[in-house]
N, C-alpha and C. Protein backbone atom coordinates (compact mmCIF):
# COMPACT_ATOMS: atom_id res chain seq x y z
N UNK A 1 142.49 79.69 59.78
CA UNK A 1 141.75 79.78 61.03
C UNK A 1 142.58 80.49 62.11
N UNK A 2 143.90 80.22 62.12
CA UNK A 2 144.75 80.86 63.12
C UNK A 2 144.70 82.38 63.01
N UNK A 3 144.68 82.86 61.79
CA UNK A 3 144.66 84.31 61.59
C UNK A 3 143.34 84.92 62.06
N UNK A 4 142.24 84.20 61.88
CA UNK A 4 140.94 84.70 62.34
C UNK A 4 140.89 84.80 63.86
N UNK A 5 141.42 83.78 64.50
CA UNK A 5 141.47 83.78 65.97
C UNK A 5 142.35 84.92 66.46
N UNK A 6 143.51 85.08 65.83
CA UNK A 6 144.42 86.17 66.20
C UNK A 6 143.76 87.53 65.96
N UNK A 7 143.02 87.66 64.88
CA UNK A 7 142.34 88.93 64.59
C UNK A 7 141.30 89.24 65.67
N UNK A 8 140.52 88.24 66.06
CA UNK A 8 139.52 88.45 67.11
C UNK A 8 140.19 88.83 68.43
N UNK A 9 141.23 88.10 68.80
CA UNK A 9 141.95 88.42 70.03
C UNK A 9 142.56 89.81 69.96
N UNK A 10 143.11 90.16 68.81
CA UNK A 10 143.69 91.49 68.63
C UNK A 10 142.66 92.60 68.79
N UNK A 11 141.49 92.39 68.24
CA UNK A 11 140.42 93.39 68.39
C UNK A 11 140.01 93.53 69.85
N UNK A 12 139.91 92.41 70.56
CA UNK A 12 139.57 92.46 71.98
C UNK A 12 140.64 93.20 72.79
N UNK A 13 141.91 92.89 72.49
CA UNK A 13 143.01 93.54 73.21
C UNK A 13 143.06 95.03 72.89
N UNK A 14 142.83 95.39 71.63
CA UNK A 14 142.83 96.80 71.25
C UNK A 14 141.68 97.54 71.92
N UNK A 15 140.51 96.93 71.94
CA UNK A 15 139.36 97.57 72.59
C UNK A 15 139.63 97.78 74.08
N UNK A 16 140.17 96.76 74.74
CA UNK A 16 140.49 96.88 76.15
C UNK A 16 141.51 97.99 76.38
N UNK A 17 142.56 98.01 75.58
CA UNK A 17 143.59 99.04 75.72
C UNK A 17 143.05 100.44 75.49
N UNK A 18 142.19 100.59 74.49
CA UNK A 18 141.63 101.92 74.20
C UNK A 18 140.72 102.40 75.33
N UNK A 19 139.93 101.49 75.88
CA UNK A 19 139.08 101.88 77.02
C UNK A 19 139.96 102.26 78.21
N UNK A 20 141.02 101.50 78.45
CA UNK A 20 141.93 101.82 79.56
C UNK A 20 142.56 103.20 79.36
N UNK A 21 142.88 103.55 78.13
CA UNK A 21 143.48 104.85 77.85
C UNK A 21 142.47 105.99 77.92
N UNK A 22 141.31 105.77 77.33
CA UNK A 22 140.34 106.85 77.22
C UNK A 22 139.44 107.03 78.42
N UNK A 23 139.11 105.94 79.08
CA UNK A 23 138.18 105.98 80.21
C UNK A 23 138.69 105.10 81.35
N UNK A 24 139.84 105.46 81.93
CA UNK A 24 140.44 104.58 82.93
C UNK A 24 139.56 104.34 84.16
N UNK A 25 138.84 105.35 84.60
CA UNK A 25 137.97 105.17 85.77
C UNK A 25 136.82 104.22 85.45
N UNK A 26 136.24 104.37 84.28
CA UNK A 26 135.15 103.47 83.87
C UNK A 26 135.66 102.04 83.76
N UNK A 27 136.87 101.86 83.20
CA UNK A 27 137.46 100.53 83.11
C UNK A 27 137.67 99.94 84.50
N UNK A 28 138.24 100.73 85.39
CA UNK A 28 138.51 100.30 86.76
C UNK A 28 137.22 99.89 87.47
N UNK A 29 136.17 100.65 87.27
CA UNK A 29 134.89 100.36 87.92
C UNK A 29 134.18 99.15 87.31
N UNK A 30 134.42 98.88 86.04
CA UNK A 30 133.67 97.84 85.33
C UNK A 30 134.28 96.45 85.45
N UNK A 31 135.58 96.35 85.62
CA UNK A 31 136.23 95.04 85.60
C UNK A 31 136.17 94.41 86.99
N UNK A 32 135.55 93.25 87.10
CA UNK A 32 135.42 92.60 88.41
C UNK A 32 136.78 92.31 89.05
N UNK A 33 136.90 92.68 90.31
CA UNK A 33 138.10 92.37 91.09
C UNK A 33 139.20 93.40 91.01
N UNK A 34 139.16 94.29 90.03
CA UNK A 34 140.24 95.28 89.90
C UNK A 34 140.32 96.17 91.13
N UNK A 35 139.19 96.53 91.67
CA UNK A 35 139.19 97.41 92.85
C UNK A 35 139.80 96.72 94.08
N UNK A 36 139.93 95.41 94.04
CA UNK A 36 140.55 94.69 95.15
C UNK A 36 142.07 94.72 95.10
N UNK A 37 142.63 95.22 93.98
CA UNK A 37 144.08 95.24 93.81
C UNK A 37 144.72 96.53 94.30
N UNK A 38 143.93 97.48 94.68
CA UNK A 38 144.48 98.75 95.16
C UNK A 38 143.64 99.92 94.69
N UNK A 39 144.04 101.08 95.14
CA UNK A 39 143.33 102.30 94.78
C UNK A 39 143.48 102.60 93.30
N UNK A 40 142.50 103.30 92.75
CA UNK A 40 142.52 103.70 91.35
C UNK A 40 143.71 104.61 91.09
N UNK A 41 144.46 104.29 90.05
CA UNK A 41 145.60 105.09 89.62
C UNK A 41 145.49 105.24 88.11
N UNK A 42 145.01 106.38 87.61
CA UNK A 42 144.79 106.52 86.17
C UNK A 42 146.06 106.36 85.34
N UNK A 43 147.18 106.80 85.87
CA UNK A 43 148.44 106.66 85.13
C UNK A 43 148.77 105.17 84.94
N UNK A 44 148.62 104.39 86.01
CA UNK A 44 148.92 102.96 85.93
C UNK A 44 147.95 102.25 84.98
N UNK A 45 146.67 102.57 85.05
CA UNK A 45 145.69 101.95 84.15
C UNK A 45 146.07 102.26 82.71
N UNK A 46 146.46 103.50 82.44
CA UNK A 46 146.85 103.87 81.07
C UNK A 46 148.14 103.18 80.64
N UNK A 47 149.09 103.02 81.56
CA UNK A 47 150.31 102.27 81.23
C UNK A 47 149.97 100.87 80.76
N UNK A 48 149.11 100.20 81.50
CA UNK A 48 148.73 98.84 81.14
C UNK A 48 147.90 98.83 79.85
N UNK A 49 147.12 99.88 79.65
CA UNK A 49 146.38 100.01 78.39
C UNK A 49 147.32 100.05 77.20
N UNK A 50 148.45 100.73 77.35
CA UNK A 50 149.45 100.75 76.28
C UNK A 50 150.03 99.35 76.05
N UNK A 51 150.22 98.60 77.13
CA UNK A 51 150.71 97.22 76.98
C UNK A 51 149.71 96.39 76.18
N UNK A 52 148.42 96.57 76.45
CA UNK A 52 147.40 95.83 75.70
C UNK A 52 147.36 96.26 74.24
N UNK A 53 147.60 97.53 73.97
CA UNK A 53 147.68 97.97 72.57
C UNK A 53 148.89 97.36 71.88
N UNK A 54 149.98 97.19 72.61
CA UNK A 54 151.16 96.55 72.05
C UNK A 54 150.87 95.09 71.73
N UNK A 55 150.16 94.40 72.63
CA UNK A 55 149.74 93.03 72.37
C UNK A 55 148.87 92.98 71.12
N UNK A 56 147.93 93.92 71.00
CA UNK A 56 147.06 93.97 69.82
C UNK A 56 147.89 94.18 68.56
N UNK A 57 148.91 95.01 68.64
CA UNK A 57 149.79 95.23 67.49
C UNK A 57 150.53 93.96 67.10
N UNK A 58 151.00 93.20 68.08
CA UNK A 58 151.67 91.94 67.78
C UNK A 58 150.74 90.96 67.11
N UNK A 59 149.52 90.89 67.60
CA UNK A 59 148.53 90.01 66.98
C UNK A 59 148.20 90.47 65.56
N UNK A 60 148.08 91.78 65.37
CA UNK A 60 147.79 92.32 64.03
C UNK A 60 148.93 92.02 63.06
N UNK A 61 150.16 92.13 63.52
CA UNK A 61 151.30 91.83 62.67
C UNK A 61 151.24 90.36 62.22
N UNK A 62 150.92 89.49 63.16
CA UNK A 62 150.80 88.07 62.81
C UNK A 62 149.67 87.86 61.80
N UNK A 63 148.54 88.55 61.97
CA UNK A 63 147.42 88.41 61.03
C UNK A 63 147.85 88.88 59.65
N UNK A 64 148.58 89.99 59.59
CA UNK A 64 148.98 90.58 58.32
C UNK A 64 150.03 89.74 57.61
N UNK A 65 151.04 89.34 58.34
CA UNK A 65 152.16 88.58 57.80
C UNK A 65 152.53 87.46 58.77
N UNK A 66 151.89 86.32 58.70
CA UNK A 66 152.07 85.27 59.71
C UNK A 66 153.52 84.86 59.96
N UNK A 67 154.29 84.64 58.94
CA UNK A 67 155.67 84.17 59.15
C UNK A 67 156.52 85.26 59.81
N UNK A 68 156.43 86.48 59.31
CA UNK A 68 157.22 87.57 59.87
C UNK A 68 156.67 88.03 61.21
N UNK A 69 155.37 87.94 61.41
CA UNK A 69 154.74 88.41 62.63
C UNK A 69 154.68 87.39 63.75
N UNK A 70 155.09 86.16 63.47
CA UNK A 70 155.02 85.12 64.50
C UNK A 70 155.81 85.50 65.76
N UNK A 71 157.02 86.06 65.66
CA UNK A 71 157.71 86.46 66.90
C UNK A 71 156.91 87.50 67.71
N UNK A 72 156.20 88.39 67.05
CA UNK A 72 155.36 89.36 67.77
C UNK A 72 154.20 88.66 68.46
N UNK A 73 153.67 87.62 67.83
CA UNK A 73 152.62 86.81 68.46
C UNK A 73 153.16 86.16 69.73
N UNK A 74 154.36 85.63 69.67
CA UNK A 74 154.99 85.03 70.84
C UNK A 74 155.20 86.08 71.92
N UNK A 75 155.62 87.28 71.54
CA UNK A 75 155.77 88.37 72.51
C UNK A 75 154.45 88.72 73.18
N UNK A 76 153.37 88.73 72.42
CA UNK A 76 152.05 88.97 73.00
C UNK A 76 151.71 87.89 74.01
N UNK A 77 151.99 86.64 73.65
CA UNK A 77 151.76 85.53 74.57
C UNK A 77 152.58 85.70 75.85
N UNK A 78 153.83 86.08 75.72
CA UNK A 78 154.69 86.22 76.90
C UNK A 78 154.13 87.27 77.86
N UNK A 79 153.72 88.43 77.34
CA UNK A 79 153.13 89.44 78.23
C UNK A 79 151.89 88.89 78.91
N UNK A 80 150.99 88.29 78.14
CA UNK A 80 149.74 87.79 78.72
C UNK A 80 150.00 86.69 79.74
N UNK A 81 150.98 85.82 79.47
CA UNK A 81 151.30 84.74 80.42
C UNK A 81 151.92 85.30 81.69
N UNK A 82 152.82 86.27 81.57
CA UNK A 82 153.41 86.87 82.76
C UNK A 82 152.36 87.61 83.58
N UNK A 83 151.46 88.30 82.90
CA UNK A 83 150.36 88.97 83.60
C UNK A 83 149.52 87.95 84.36
N UNK A 84 149.21 86.83 83.71
CA UNK A 84 148.42 85.78 84.37
C UNK A 84 149.17 85.19 85.56
N UNK A 85 150.50 85.09 85.45
CA UNK A 85 151.27 84.52 86.56
C UNK A 85 151.18 85.39 87.81
N UNK A 86 151.08 86.69 87.62
CA UNK A 86 150.89 87.59 88.77
C UNK A 86 149.56 87.28 89.43
N UNK A 87 148.54 87.03 88.62
CA UNK A 87 147.23 86.70 89.17
C UNK A 87 147.24 85.34 89.88
N UNK A 88 147.99 84.40 89.35
CA UNK A 88 148.09 83.09 90.01
C UNK A 88 148.64 83.25 91.42
N UNK A 89 149.73 84.00 91.54
CA UNK A 89 150.36 84.21 92.85
C UNK A 89 149.41 84.97 93.77
N UNK A 90 148.79 86.03 93.26
CA UNK A 90 147.86 86.80 94.09
C UNK A 90 146.69 85.94 94.56
N UNK A 91 146.15 85.15 93.66
CA UNK A 91 145.03 84.28 94.03
C UNK A 91 145.46 83.24 95.05
N UNK A 92 146.62 82.65 94.84
CA UNK A 92 147.09 81.61 95.75
C UNK A 92 147.31 82.15 97.16
N UNK A 93 147.65 83.40 97.26
CA UNK A 93 147.91 84.02 98.57
C UNK A 93 146.66 84.66 99.18
N UNK A 94 145.58 84.68 98.43
CA UNK A 94 144.36 85.33 98.91
C UNK A 94 143.47 84.38 99.68
N UNK A 95 142.36 84.92 100.19
CA UNK A 95 141.45 84.12 101.01
C UNK A 95 140.61 83.11 100.21
N UNK A 96 140.39 83.36 98.94
CA UNK A 96 139.55 82.47 98.14
C UNK A 96 140.16 82.21 96.78
N UNK A 97 141.23 81.39 96.72
CA UNK A 97 141.93 81.22 95.45
C UNK A 97 141.07 80.70 94.30
N UNK A 98 140.20 79.74 94.56
CA UNK A 98 139.38 79.19 93.49
C UNK A 98 138.39 80.23 92.98
N UNK A 99 137.76 80.95 93.89
CA UNK A 99 136.81 81.99 93.47
C UNK A 99 137.51 83.08 92.65
N UNK A 100 138.70 83.46 93.07
CA UNK A 100 139.44 84.48 92.33
C UNK A 100 139.85 83.96 90.95
N UNK A 101 140.30 82.72 90.89
CA UNK A 101 140.69 82.13 89.60
C UNK A 101 139.50 82.05 88.65
N UNK A 102 138.35 81.67 89.16
CA UNK A 102 137.15 81.60 88.32
C UNK A 102 136.74 82.99 87.83
N UNK A 103 136.82 83.97 88.72
CA UNK A 103 136.48 85.34 88.34
C UNK A 103 137.42 85.84 87.25
N UNK A 104 138.70 85.52 87.38
CA UNK A 104 139.71 86.03 86.45
C UNK A 104 139.85 85.21 85.18
N UNK A 105 139.25 84.02 85.12
CA UNK A 105 139.49 83.13 84.00
C UNK A 105 139.24 83.76 82.63
N UNK A 106 138.08 84.37 82.38
CA UNK A 106 137.83 84.86 81.02
C UNK A 106 138.79 85.97 80.57
N UNK A 107 139.09 86.89 81.45
CA UNK A 107 139.89 88.05 81.05
C UNK A 107 141.38 87.93 81.31
N UNK A 108 141.78 86.96 82.12
CA UNK A 108 143.20 86.86 82.50
C UNK A 108 143.82 85.55 82.05
N UNK A 109 143.18 84.42 82.32
CA UNK A 109 143.79 83.13 82.04
C UNK A 109 143.48 82.60 80.64
N UNK A 110 142.30 82.85 80.14
CA UNK A 110 141.93 82.34 78.82
C UNK A 110 142.78 82.97 77.72
N UNK A 111 143.11 84.24 77.86
CA UNK A 111 143.87 84.94 76.81
C UNK A 111 145.26 84.36 76.59
N UNK A 112 146.06 84.12 77.64
CA UNK A 112 147.36 83.49 77.37
C UNK A 112 147.22 82.03 76.92
N UNK A 113 146.18 81.35 77.38
CA UNK A 113 145.98 79.98 76.89
C UNK A 113 145.74 79.98 75.38
N UNK A 114 144.90 80.91 74.92
CA UNK A 114 144.63 80.98 73.48
C UNK A 114 145.84 81.45 72.69
N UNK A 115 146.52 82.48 73.16
CA UNK A 115 147.68 82.97 72.40
C UNK A 115 148.84 81.97 72.47
N UNK A 116 148.96 81.25 73.58
CA UNK A 116 149.98 80.22 73.67
C UNK A 116 149.70 79.09 72.69
N UNK A 117 148.46 78.65 72.66
CA UNK A 117 148.08 77.61 71.69
C UNK A 117 148.33 78.11 70.28
N UNK A 118 147.93 79.35 70.00
CA UNK A 118 148.10 79.92 68.67
C UNK A 118 149.58 80.02 68.31
N UNK A 119 150.41 80.44 69.25
CA UNK A 119 151.85 80.54 69.00
C UNK A 119 152.44 79.18 68.64
N UNK A 120 151.99 78.15 69.33
CA UNK A 120 152.49 76.81 69.06
C UNK A 120 151.93 76.28 67.74
N UNK A 121 150.62 76.39 67.56
CA UNK A 121 149.97 75.81 66.38
C UNK A 121 150.38 76.51 65.09
N UNK A 122 150.67 77.79 65.14
CA UNK A 122 150.97 78.55 63.93
C UNK A 122 152.46 78.82 63.75
N UNK A 123 153.28 78.12 64.54
CA UNK A 123 154.73 78.35 64.44
C UNK A 123 155.22 78.02 63.04
N UNK A 124 156.17 78.80 62.56
CA UNK A 124 156.72 78.50 61.23
C UNK A 124 157.38 77.13 61.21
N UNK A 125 157.15 76.41 60.17
CA UNK A 125 157.74 75.09 60.01
C UNK A 125 159.06 75.22 59.28
N UNK A 126 160.05 74.43 59.71
CA UNK A 126 161.33 74.47 59.00
C UNK A 126 161.15 74.02 57.55
N UNK A 127 161.88 74.66 56.67
CA UNK A 127 161.83 74.28 55.27
C UNK A 127 162.51 72.93 55.09
N UNK A 128 162.16 72.22 54.05
CA UNK A 128 162.73 70.90 53.79
C UNK A 128 164.24 70.90 53.78
N UNK A 129 164.82 69.85 54.32
CA UNK A 129 166.29 69.78 54.37
C UNK A 129 166.88 69.06 53.19
């Protein structure tokens, strides 16, 4: 089951990254709240798109070879959690923290929660002593 969840998350991350790379303006216009973070910068959107493709690669490695790919899964979690932490601070400093958190939950907070759970639940177990 862990591999199926990782595969689904990886496909979502890859799709997001590819849209960010191929159609950065469309991505910027479509994602709620992104326009509130500053002016459109296609280079920056593409940079982050590459980060999402890297996350997708880490998830794919885990799906392919769970024991060997587990550190890459943890790396994916770390990026997603750090990204979410930026949103936590921004929301806390904004005029409507709860509204911003609710808006960002599906695309920002749920992803590190799932990958964090997956990293913990699928961690390699020590061999018998």
